[in-house]
Each structure stands twice: as structure tokens, then as C-alpha cells.
Protein backbone atom coordinates (compact mmCIF):
# COMPACT_ATOMS: atom_id res chain seq x y z
CA MET A 1 172.82 13.52 52.69
CA ALA A 2 170.18 11.48 50.87
CA GLU A 3 167.88 11.99 53.86
CA TRP A 4 167.74 15.71 53.09
CA LEU A 5 168.38 16.09 49.33
CA THR A 6 167.59 14.08 46.22
CA LEU A 7 168.00 14.43 42.44
CA SER A 8 165.62 11.66 41.43
CA GLY A 9 162.77 11.85 38.94
CA ILE A 10 162.08 15.14 37.21
CA ARG A 11 164.29 17.21 39.49
CA PRO A 12 167.38 17.50 37.22
CA VAL A 13 165.23 18.88 34.40
CA LEU A 14 163.61 21.43 36.69
CA LEU A 15 166.94 22.45 38.19
CA VAL A 16 168.28 23.31 34.75
CA LEU A 17 165.07 25.18 33.92
CA VAL A 18 165.11 27.19 37.17
CA ALA A 19 168.82 27.99 36.76
CA VAL A 20 168.27 29.42 33.28
CA LEU A 21 165.19 31.40 34.35
CA ALA A 22 166.97 32.67 37.46
CA TRP A 23 169.88 33.99 35.42
CA VAL A 24 167.61 35.68 32.85
CA VAL A 25 165.21 37.25 35.35
CA THR A 26 167.95 38.41 37.74
CA ARG A 27 169.95 39.95 34.90
CA TYR A 28 166.85 41.73 33.61
CA ALA A 29 165.97 42.99 37.11
CA PHE A 30 169.50 44.30 37.69
CA ARG A 31 169.27 46.36 34.51
CA ASN A 32 165.64 47.34 34.92
CA PHE A 33 166.25 48.82 38.41
CA ARG A 34 169.54 50.55 37.59
CA LEU A 35 168.04 53.98 38.40
CA ASP A 36 166.10 52.83 41.46
CA PRO A 37 167.95 53.42 44.78
CA ARG A 38 166.34 50.27 46.16
CA ARG A 39 167.82 48.01 43.49
CA ARG A 40 169.96 46.07 45.96
CA SER A 41 166.95 45.38 48.18
CA PHE A 42 164.86 44.15 45.25
CA VAL A 43 167.59 41.89 43.84
CA THR A 44 168.28 40.47 47.32
CA LYS A 45 164.63 39.51 47.77
CA LEU A 46 164.54 38.06 44.25
CA VAL A 47 167.63 35.92 44.87
CA GLY A 48 166.23 34.79 48.23
CA CYS A 49 163.05 33.60 46.52
CA LEU A 50 165.06 31.73 43.88
CA ILE A 51 167.21 30.02 46.52
CA ALA A 52 164.05 28.79 48.24
CA VAL A 53 162.84 27.38 44.89
CA PHE A 54 166.12 25.47 44.45
CA ILE A 55 165.85 24.05 47.97
CA LEU A 56 162.24 22.98 47.37
CA ILE A 57 163.12 21.10 44.18
CA VAL A 58 165.96 19.05 45.69
CA SER A 59 164.48 18.53 49.18
CA ASN A 60 163.80 14.97 50.30
CA ASN A 61 162.65 15.84 53.82
CA LEU A 62 159.05 16.75 54.55
CA ILE A 63 160.00 19.51 56.99
CA VAL A 64 162.53 21.08 54.60
CA PHE A 65 160.04 20.81 51.73
CA PHE A 66 157.32 22.56 53.73
CA ALA A 67 159.71 25.25 54.99
CA ALA A 68 160.90 26.00 51.45
CA TRP A 69 157.28 26.07 50.21
CA MET A 70 156.40 28.66 52.85
CA ALA A 71 159.61 30.66 52.30
CA ILE A 72 158.84 31.02 48.59
CA SER A 73 155.40 32.41 49.39
CA LEU A 74 156.70 34.91 51.94
CA GLN A 75 159.51 36.12 49.69
CA LEU A 76 157.06 36.48 46.81
CA HIS A 77 154.77 38.55 49.04
CA SER A 78 157.57 41.02 49.76
CA LEU A 79 158.27 41.29 46.02
CA LEU A 80 154.61 41.85 45.20
CA MET A 81 154.55 44.66 47.79
CA PHE A 82 157.62 46.42 46.39
CA TYR A 83 155.41 49.32 45.26
CA PRO A 84 152.96 49.62 48.19
CA GLU A 85 151.51 52.88 46.85
CA ARG A 86 149.64 50.89 44.20
CA ASP A 87 146.29 50.01 45.79
CA ARG A 88 145.49 47.19 43.37
CA ALA A 89 148.87 45.59 44.00
CA VAL A 90 148.25 45.67 47.77
CA LEU A 91 144.80 44.11 47.39
CA ALA A 92 146.16 41.37 45.13
CA ALA A 93 149.00 40.65 47.56
CA HIS A 94 146.48 40.61 50.42
CA LYS A 95 144.40 37.93 48.69
CA LYS A 96 147.51 36.02 47.70
CA PHE A 97 148.72 36.05 51.30
CA ILE A 98 145.52 34.47 52.62
CA LEU A 99 145.28 31.88 49.84
CA ALA A 100 148.93 30.96 50.33
CA ARG A 101 148.21 30.21 53.99
CA CYS A 102 145.32 27.98 52.88
CA SER A 103 147.63 26.12 50.49
CA GLU A 104 150.20 25.66 53.25
CA THR A 105 147.51 24.36 55.59
CA PHE A 106 146.49 21.67 53.10
CA LEU A 107 150.10 20.76 52.38
CA GLY A 108 151.00 20.62 56.06
CA THR A 109 147.98 18.41 56.78
CA ALA A 110 149.01 16.02 54.01
CA PHE A 111 152.57 15.84 55.32
CA ILE A 112 151.41 15.20 58.90
CA ILE A 113 149.22 12.33 57.72
CA MET A 114 152.10 10.94 55.67
CA TYR A 115 154.41 11.04 58.69
CA LEU A 116 151.88 9.53 61.10
CA THR A 117 151.11 6.74 58.65
CA THR A 118 154.69 5.80 57.74
CA GLY A 119 156.75 7.16 60.65
CA SER A 120 159.30 8.62 58.23
CA LEU A 121 160.18 12.17 57.19
CA GLN A 122 161.97 11.09 54.01
CA LEU A 123 159.80 11.84 51.00
CA ASP A 124 161.01 8.91 48.87
CA THR A 125 160.43 6.45 51.73
CA VAL A 126 156.95 7.82 52.38
CA LEU A 127 155.97 7.60 48.71
CA GLN A 128 157.34 4.08 48.44
CA GLN A 129 155.26 2.89 51.38
CA PHE A 130 152.12 4.64 50.15
CA GLY A 131 152.63 3.23 46.66
CA THR A 132 152.69 -0.36 47.87
CA ALA A 133 150.13 -0.11 50.69
CA PRO A 134 146.39 -0.61 49.99
CA THR A 135 144.23 2.46 49.66
CA HIS A 136 142.73 3.59 52.99
CA LEU A 137 141.01 6.64 54.45
CA SER A 138 144.17 8.46 55.54
CA GLN A 139 145.60 8.15 52.03
CA HIS A 140 142.42 9.62 50.55
CA ILE A 141 142.59 12.58 52.95
CA ALA A 142 146.29 13.17 52.25
CA ALA A 143 145.69 12.90 48.50
CA LEU A 144 142.81 15.40 48.62
CA CYS A 145 144.94 17.80 50.66
CA LEU A 146 147.80 17.57 48.15
CA VAL A 147 145.44 18.20 45.25
CA MET A 148 143.89 21.20 47.01
CA ALA A 149 147.36 22.64 47.74
CA ALA A 150 148.30 22.29 44.07
CA LEU A 151 145.03 23.79 42.79
CA ILE A 152 145.40 26.84 45.04
CA LYS A 153 149.07 27.26 44.16
CA CYS A 154 148.27 27.14 40.43
CA ALA A 155 145.52 29.79 40.78
CA GLN A 156 142.67 27.66 39.54
CA LEU A 157 139.16 29.09 39.40
CA PRO A 158 137.56 30.49 41.51
CA LEU A 159 140.77 31.27 43.46
CA HIS A 160 142.45 33.00 40.53
CA GLY A 161 141.83 36.71 41.05
CA TRP A 162 145.17 37.51 42.70
CA LEU A 163 147.06 36.13 39.69
CA ILE A 164 145.27 38.51 37.33
CA GLN A 165 145.82 41.54 39.56
CA VAL A 166 149.50 41.04 40.42
CA VAL A 167 150.39 42.42 36.98
CA GLU A 168 150.69 45.63 39.01
CA ALA A 169 153.95 44.21 40.38
CA PRO A 170 157.33 44.93 38.71
CA THR A 171 157.90 43.09 35.44
CA PRO A 172 160.65 40.76 36.80
CA VAL A 173 158.26 39.66 39.55
CA SER A 174 155.57 38.85 36.97
CA ALA A 175 158.08 36.88 34.92
CA LEU A 176 159.29 34.97 37.99
CA LEU A 177 155.72 34.23 39.12
CA HIS A 178 154.22 33.18 35.79
CA ALA A 179 157.27 31.33 34.50
CA GLY A 180 158.33 29.60 37.70
CA ILE A 181 156.51 29.83 41.01
CA ILE A 182 153.04 29.20 39.57
CA ASN A 183 154.31 25.80 38.30
CA LEU A 184 155.11 24.53 41.79
CA GLY A 185 151.66 22.99 42.11
CA GLY A 186 152.43 20.81 39.10
CA PHE A 187 155.82 19.90 40.53
CA LEU A 188 154.18 18.91 43.83
CA LEU A 189 151.83 16.49 42.08
CA LEU A 190 154.50 15.07 39.77
CA ALA A 191 156.79 14.47 42.75
CA THR A 192 154.06 12.71 44.79
CA VAL A 193 152.30 10.59 42.15
CA PRO A 194 152.29 7.35 44.22
CA LEU A 195 150.43 9.09 47.02
CA TRP A 196 147.45 10.60 45.21
CA SER A 197 147.24 8.51 42.02
CA ASN A 198 145.34 5.64 43.71
CA SER A 199 142.73 7.96 45.22
CA ALA A 200 139.72 8.23 42.92
CA PRO A 201 138.18 11.26 44.75
CA ALA A 202 141.46 13.18 44.48
CA VAL A 203 141.85 12.39 40.77
CA TRP A 204 138.26 13.36 39.96
CA LEU A 205 138.62 16.60 41.92
CA LEU A 206 141.89 17.42 40.18
CA CYS A 207 140.61 16.70 36.68
CA LEU A 208 137.21 18.39 36.94
CA VAL A 209 138.47 21.59 38.60
CA SER A 210 141.48 21.93 36.30
CA ALA A 211 139.40 21.22 33.18
CA ALA A 212 136.79 23.83 34.16
CA SER A 213 139.52 26.35 34.97
CA CYS A 214 141.26 25.75 31.65
CA CYS A 215 138.06 26.19 29.63
CA PHE A 216 136.71 29.26 31.44
CA ALA A 217 140.09 31.00 31.69
CA ALA A 218 140.68 30.53 27.97
CA LEU A 219 137.23 31.94 27.17
CA ILE A 220 137.76 34.94 29.44
CA MET A 221 141.26 35.58 28.07
CA ALA A 222 139.87 35.98 24.56
CA THR A 223 137.69 38.92 25.67
CA ARG A 224 140.56 41.03 27.09
CA ILE A 225 142.63 43.74 25.39
CA SER A 226 145.52 44.40 27.80
CA ILE A 227 148.34 42.05 26.85
CA LYS A 228 149.47 41.58 30.47
CA VAL A 229 145.96 40.65 31.57
CA ARG A 230 145.66 38.25 28.62
CA LEU A 231 148.95 36.64 29.63
CA ALA A 232 147.73 36.27 33.21
CA TRP A 233 144.51 34.56 32.13
CA SER A 234 146.57 32.43 29.76
CA THR A 235 148.69 31.29 32.70
CA SER A 236 145.60 30.18 34.62
CA ALA A 237 144.34 28.28 31.56
CA GLN A 238 147.71 26.66 30.88
CA MET A 239 148.06 25.59 34.51
CA GLY A 240 144.61 24.01 34.28
CA LEU A 241 145.62 22.05 31.18
CA MET A 242 148.90 20.95 32.79
CA LEU A 243 147.13 19.75 35.94
CA LEU A 244 144.57 17.97 33.78
CA GLU A 245 147.35 16.14 31.94
CA ILE A 246 148.78 15.08 35.29
CA GLY A 247 145.39 13.92 36.53
CA LEU A 248 144.82 11.80 33.43
CA GLY A 249 148.25 10.19 33.70
CA TYR A 250 150.07 12.00 30.87
CA TYR A 251 153.06 12.78 33.11
CA ASP A 252 155.69 13.17 30.38
CA LEU A 253 153.39 15.48 28.43
CA ALA A 254 152.78 17.52 31.59
CA LEU A 255 156.52 17.90 32.21
CA LEU A 256 157.04 19.04 28.61
CA HIS A 257 154.13 21.45 29.03
CA LEU A 258 155.63 22.83 32.24
CA VAL A 259 159.02 23.49 30.66
CA ALA A 260 157.62 25.00 27.46
CA HIS A 261 155.17 27.23 29.32
CA SER A 262 157.88 28.49 31.67
CA VAL A 263 160.20 29.49 28.84
CA TYR A 264 157.41 31.13 26.85
CA LYS A 265 155.99 33.12 29.78
CA ALA A 266 159.42 34.36 30.85
CA TYR A 267 160.00 35.68 27.34
CA ALA A 268 156.47 37.08 27.04
CA PHE A 269 156.57 39.09 30.28
CA LEU A 270 160.10 40.38 29.78
CA SER A 271 159.24 41.64 26.28
CA VAL A 272 155.61 42.61 26.85
CA SER A 273 153.92 45.63 25.26
CA GLU A 274 150.85 47.48 26.51
CA VAL A 275 148.00 46.58 24.15
CA ALA A 276 147.34 43.47 22.11
CA ILE A 277 146.33 43.75 18.47
CA ILE A 278 143.19 41.67 18.07
CA LYS A 279 141.77 40.92 14.65
CA GLN A 280 138.00 40.96 14.30
CA PRO A 281 136.92 37.34 13.66
CA GLN A 282 134.84 36.64 10.59
CA ALA A 283 131.20 35.64 11.00
CA ARG A 284 130.79 31.95 10.22
CA SER A 285 128.09 29.32 10.36
CA LEU A 286 128.22 27.65 13.77
CA TRP A 287 126.52 24.54 12.40
CA ARG A 288 129.21 24.14 9.73
CA ILE A 289 131.98 24.57 12.29
CA GLY A 290 130.31 22.05 14.58
CA VAL A 291 129.96 19.43 11.86
CA VAL A 292 133.63 19.76 10.89
CA PHE A 293 134.73 19.59 14.54
CA ILE A 294 132.64 16.52 15.41
CA ALA A 295 133.75 14.78 12.20
CA PHE A 296 137.42 15.39 12.94
CA GLN A 297 137.02 14.25 16.53
CA GLY A 298 135.30 11.03 15.48
CA ILE A 299 137.89 10.26 12.81
CA ILE A 300 140.84 10.83 15.15
CA ALA A 301 139.31 8.86 18.04
CA ALA A 302 138.49 5.94 15.71
CA ALA A 303 141.99 5.98 14.24
CA CYS A 304 143.55 6.00 17.73
CA TRP A 305 141.32 3.12 18.78
CA TRP A 306 142.25 1.14 15.66
CA PHE A 307 146.02 1.75 15.73
CA LEU A 308 146.76 2.39 19.43
CA GLY A 309 144.01 0.44 21.18
CA ASN A 310 142.83 3.56 23.03
CA PRO A 311 140.53 6.31 21.68
CA LYS A 312 142.45 8.98 23.66
CA TRP A 313 139.36 11.13 23.99
CA LEU A 314 140.93 14.32 25.30
CA PRO A 315 143.93 14.47 22.90
CA SER A 316 141.52 13.69 20.05
CA ALA A 317 139.28 16.60 21.05
CA LEU A 318 142.21 19.02 21.34
CA LEU A 319 143.62 17.94 17.99
CA ALA A 320 140.16 18.26 16.43
CA MET A 321 139.98 21.86 17.67
CA ALA A 322 143.30 22.64 16.01
CA LEU A 323 142.29 20.97 12.75
CA THR A 324 138.93 22.78 12.72
CA THR A 325 140.75 26.10 13.11
CA LEU A 326 143.04 25.20 10.20
CA TRP A 327 140.07 24.10 8.13
CA MET A 328 138.35 27.47 8.70
CA ASN A 329 141.43 29.53 7.80
CA LEU A 330 142.73 27.59 4.80
CA HIS A 331 140.73 28.34 1.67
CA GLN A 332 142.19 25.79 -0.77
CA LYS A 333 140.45 22.43 -0.53
CA LEU A 334 143.49 20.30 -1.43
CA LEU A 335 145.64 22.17 1.08
CA ARG A 336 143.03 21.59 3.79
CA ILE A 337 142.95 17.85 3.13
CA ALA A 338 146.74 17.54 2.89
CA VAL A 339 147.44 19.43 6.10
CA SER A 340 144.71 17.58 8.00
CA ALA A 341 145.87 14.15 6.83
CA LEU A 342 149.52 14.93 7.57
CA THR A 343 148.64 16.16 11.07
CA VAL A 344 146.63 13.03 11.90
CA VAL A 345 149.35 10.70 10.55
CA VAL A 346 152.08 12.45 12.55
CA TYR A 347 149.92 12.31 15.68
CA LEU A 348 149.34 8.57 15.26
CA LEU A 349 153.04 7.91 14.70
CA LEU A 350 154.00 9.89 17.80
CA GLY A 351 151.28 8.09 19.76
CA ALA A 352 152.60 4.69 18.65
CA LEU A 353 156.15 5.71 19.62
CA ALA A 354 155.02 7.00 23.01
CA HIS A 355 153.07 3.79 23.54
CA GLN A 356 156.33 1.84 23.26
CA VAL A 357 158.52 3.99 25.52
CA ILE A 358 156.04 5.32 28.12
CA GLU A 359 154.39 3.21 30.75
CA PRO A 360 150.61 2.79 30.39
CA GLN A 361 148.28 4.97 32.39
CA PRO A 362 147.95 4.06 36.09
CA PRO A 363 145.03 1.91 37.25
CA PHE A 364 143.14 4.79 38.90
CA SER A 365 141.89 6.04 35.52
CA SER A 366 138.13 5.66 35.39
CA VAL A 367 136.48 4.68 32.14
CA TRP A 368 134.18 7.72 32.50
CA LEU A 369 136.70 10.33 33.61
CA GLU A 370 138.35 11.23 30.31
CA PRO A 371 135.07 11.16 28.30
CA ALA A 372 133.51 13.50 30.89
CA VAL A 373 136.42 15.92 30.59
CA THR A 374 136.27 15.64 26.80
CA LEU A 375 132.58 16.57 26.86
CA MET A 376 133.53 19.65 28.88
CA PHE A 377 136.07 20.66 26.24
CA ASN A 378 133.47 20.16 23.52
CA VAL A 379 131.17 22.60 25.31
CA PHE A 380 134.12 25.00 25.60
CA ALA A 381 134.84 24.79 21.87
CA PHE A 382 131.24 25.48 20.85
CA THR A 383 131.00 28.36 23.33
CA TYR A 384 134.18 29.92 21.96
CA TRP A 385 132.98 29.68 18.37
CA LEU A 386 129.53 30.95 19.34
CA VAL A 387 130.99 34.10 20.92
CA HIS A 388 133.61 34.82 18.25
CA HIS A 389 131.95 33.78 15.01
CA THR A 390 128.33 34.78 15.68
CA PRO A 391 128.86 38.11 17.51
CA SER A 392 125.44 39.48 16.51
CA HIS A 393 123.58 36.67 18.25
CA ARG A 394 121.87 37.74 21.48
CA LEU A 395 123.31 34.80 23.41
CA SER A 396 126.82 35.67 22.17
CA GLN A 397 126.49 39.24 23.38
CA ARG A 398 125.33 38.14 26.82
CA TRP A 399 128.12 35.61 27.10
CA PHE A 400 130.72 38.16 26.00
CA ILE A 401 129.68 40.59 28.75
CA THR A 402 129.71 37.84 31.38
CA LEU A 403 133.08 36.51 30.24
CA ASN A 404 134.58 39.99 30.08
CA ALA A 405 133.61 40.37 33.75
CA GLY A 406 135.42 37.14 34.60
CA LEU A 407 132.13 35.40 35.46
CA TYR A 408 132.05 37.74 38.49
CA LEU A 409 134.00 35.10 40.46
CA ASP A 410 136.75 37.37 41.75
CA GLU A 411 134.25 39.83 43.25
CA TRP A 412 132.91 37.08 45.48
CA LEU A 413 136.42 36.01 46.45
CA THR A 414 137.43 39.58 47.27
CA ARG A 415 134.41 40.01 49.54
CA LEU A 416 135.18 36.70 51.28
CA VAL A 417 138.85 37.58 51.78
CA LEU A 418 138.08 41.02 53.21
CA TRP A 419 135.44 39.42 55.44
CA LEU A 420 137.99 36.89 56.73
CA TRP A 421 140.65 39.57 57.23
CA PRO A 422 138.93 42.99 57.17
CA SER A 423 141.95 44.93 58.48
CA HIS A 424 143.35 45.72 55.06
CA PRO A 425 147.13 46.32 55.40
CA ILE A 426 147.44 48.96 52.68
CA HIS A 427 148.30 51.81 55.06
CA TYR A 428 150.95 49.72 56.81
CA TYR A 429 152.68 48.82 53.55
CA GLN A 430 152.50 52.37 52.26
CA ARG A 431 154.09 53.64 55.49
CA GLN A 432 156.85 51.02 55.23
CA GLY A 433 157.44 51.98 51.61
CA ARG A 434 157.83 55.65 52.53
CA ILE A 435 160.33 54.74 55.26
CA GLN A 436 162.41 52.69 52.83
CA ARG A 437 162.39 55.44 50.20
CA GLU A 438 163.52 57.97 52.80
CA LYS A 439 166.40 55.73 53.80
CA HIS A 440 167.63 55.42 50.21
CA SER A 441 167.08 59.08 49.26
């Protein structure tokens, strides 16, 4: 039985998470479709998708893993096309269908290389042999393929447009997608760490793409009004941050991020409203914000270097962003200092505790990788404050228009997808939908 199934590593945690989400989403769907004559069909497809997710998590065989990965995608496609009369839903599902096949191609290529190299179909055996063997060309290719499969699955820029547009799907489908299925790219990387973690090209690709996706998606999200669209952009940004944590070796933090994001997004989509209430930000001096941010970042990095032996560039930058936001919104000077000092002390204590119980970062980490990503997040922070706290500036207005258009990335992807597969299936799905409605009427 161990040749086919396993409960090692992070799998027990994810099984509990998926079980809870499956119960909540299925119960919501059963009530939400109580007046729809096709309720049984929808719930059947939903349960089929969830069963495939369970099989994927516990699978220890490369063939079973790949079959479950593909089954999830196909079941999700049928759920996304539950209302084929919605043109935008059909277009989003069309793009998702093609990108899913690309993800499966990369994953299948990685698995074939793993099998040809080791001669085994057992995932734990393959990872054990790759973890102890020296790095070679086939491992680099397999690692790059795994990273590409995860990036596509997690809807990282510029392959993100379908995730934003599938909000046209029924609410339970959105909850299932954003709270569960979108996280499978992170699970894939966490379950195959020994394979890709020694490949410098794969790690650099993972970190740079996920960091750029996180920053740009967060900037774009802040320009939107529709709460569902904001949540969709938030998912893309959160997936980028989770993949970045994995790439930098913060595996426990990434697992915590995955669980917390899943629970939050399930709640958010199942209780979503139509329009978000956005407060107009106050105009502030960008130079003052920048000085406070750089000062906090330097203090935290120096403290981490002194107490923990590692500056922890990226966590220091993220914590500095949070402290700068607090500093701008708290008006009492003593309260500012007290909250800032308490936050830094708690962070150092947690870092010291984690340093004792968590293994150090793997040897693939380059001395320049985390500083480069940190510089990217610094640019993101200044761009965000430029747009939101100096709205009258000409550069801010130009950036707001460009960000509100999503950097025009999805338009290029849509043209490419329709060029690759010009026979748009909207009429076929609409005809099938009419046939199903006639059967149930």
C-alpha cells in the first residue's frame, strides 16, 4: 500500500484542511442550489473534484499523482462552465483549459525525467535518490519543469487572467478554487523539495517570478472596486508570496501561509458582498514615508544580524512595511514608539525560537537572491505609497491608470490563447447547457 499512498510530511495537515473546506463548501453549495433543478449534477461534479484532491495529496505514485492532477483540472473546467451562457465565464474557462494543459505538460515532463533517472515510480524513493545524488542536467530540467507547473497552477503573472475572470462562476466554485485548488502549486513544491532545491536556475526562476507577481498583483488589487475582483487579485498576490517563501527556504512559514490563506479565502468568498468600501487615503510626504521605512528596515535587519546571525532581508522589509503603516496611522508619539518596539522584540523572540526548532535554510540559497528580492519589495512599497499618498502627482495618475488596466498583460495572453486555439467553444457549451436545462425542466 505504501507504493501507492503515503501520509508523510505535510500531508496530514492538508488532509484535515481539505476535509474541513470540503464539508463547508459542499454544504453551502447544497443550500445555494436548492432551487436549481441541476443541483445534483453540480454537487456531483464538486464532490468528484474534491475526491481527486484527496487522492492527489496522499498519492505516492507518479502515475496516480499525475492522473489526479489532471482529473482536478478537468472537473474544475466542468464546474467553471456550469453557466455556459455567460460569455466571460466561457472565455476564462477557455484560457484556463489551455494553461492547465501547459502545466500538465511541464509536470509530466518532470515525472518522466524522474522515472528515467531513478527507474522508480514511487515518489518518496525518487526524491530520496535525487536528494543524495549530485546535481546534473536532468535534475535541472526536472526542477525547472516542476517550478513552471507550480507557477502556472498558482496563476502567477502574466498567466493570471483566467483567475480574475472566473469570478463569473458560481460562488462555491470560486471558494473551492481560491481556497483549495489554487494552492496545489505550493503543495507540489513542498512535496518535492529535494528535487528542485539544489537547482539554482529553478530557485531563481521561482523567486523572481513569484516576487514580481506578488508585488504587481498587490498594486493592481488596490485600484479595484469590485470585492470579488479584489479577492481574485489578492489570491494571485498571496500565492506569489507563498511561492517566494518556499523558494527562499521558509517552508514552515509557507505551510502556515497556505493554511491561513485557504481558511480566509473560503470565508471571504462564501460571505462576499458586491462592492468594497474604500477610504480615500490621506496625502502624505513620500520623502517622510521613505525615511521612516528605510530606518525601520535598517534597524530590524541590524537587530536580526546581531541576535540571530542573519539579517533576514525579506522578513525585515515586510515587517518594516507594516511598522511604517502603523507609524503613519498612529498619531501619539509614545504609542508609536511602544508599538514599534514591542513588534520588533516579539519578532526577534519568535525568530530566535524558530532558529532553535527549524532546520537552517538549504545550501542552494544564494547570497544575492534574498537581497535582490528585497530590493524588488522596496520598489513595490515606494510605488504603492506614491500612487496612494500623492494622487495629484502626474506619475501617480499614469501609474494608477496602468495598474487599473492590469498592466495590459491579460490582453496579450487572451490574444495568444485565441491564436493558439481560435475555435472558441462558447457555442458548444451554450448548446450543451440548453440541453441540460431542457432535461431538468
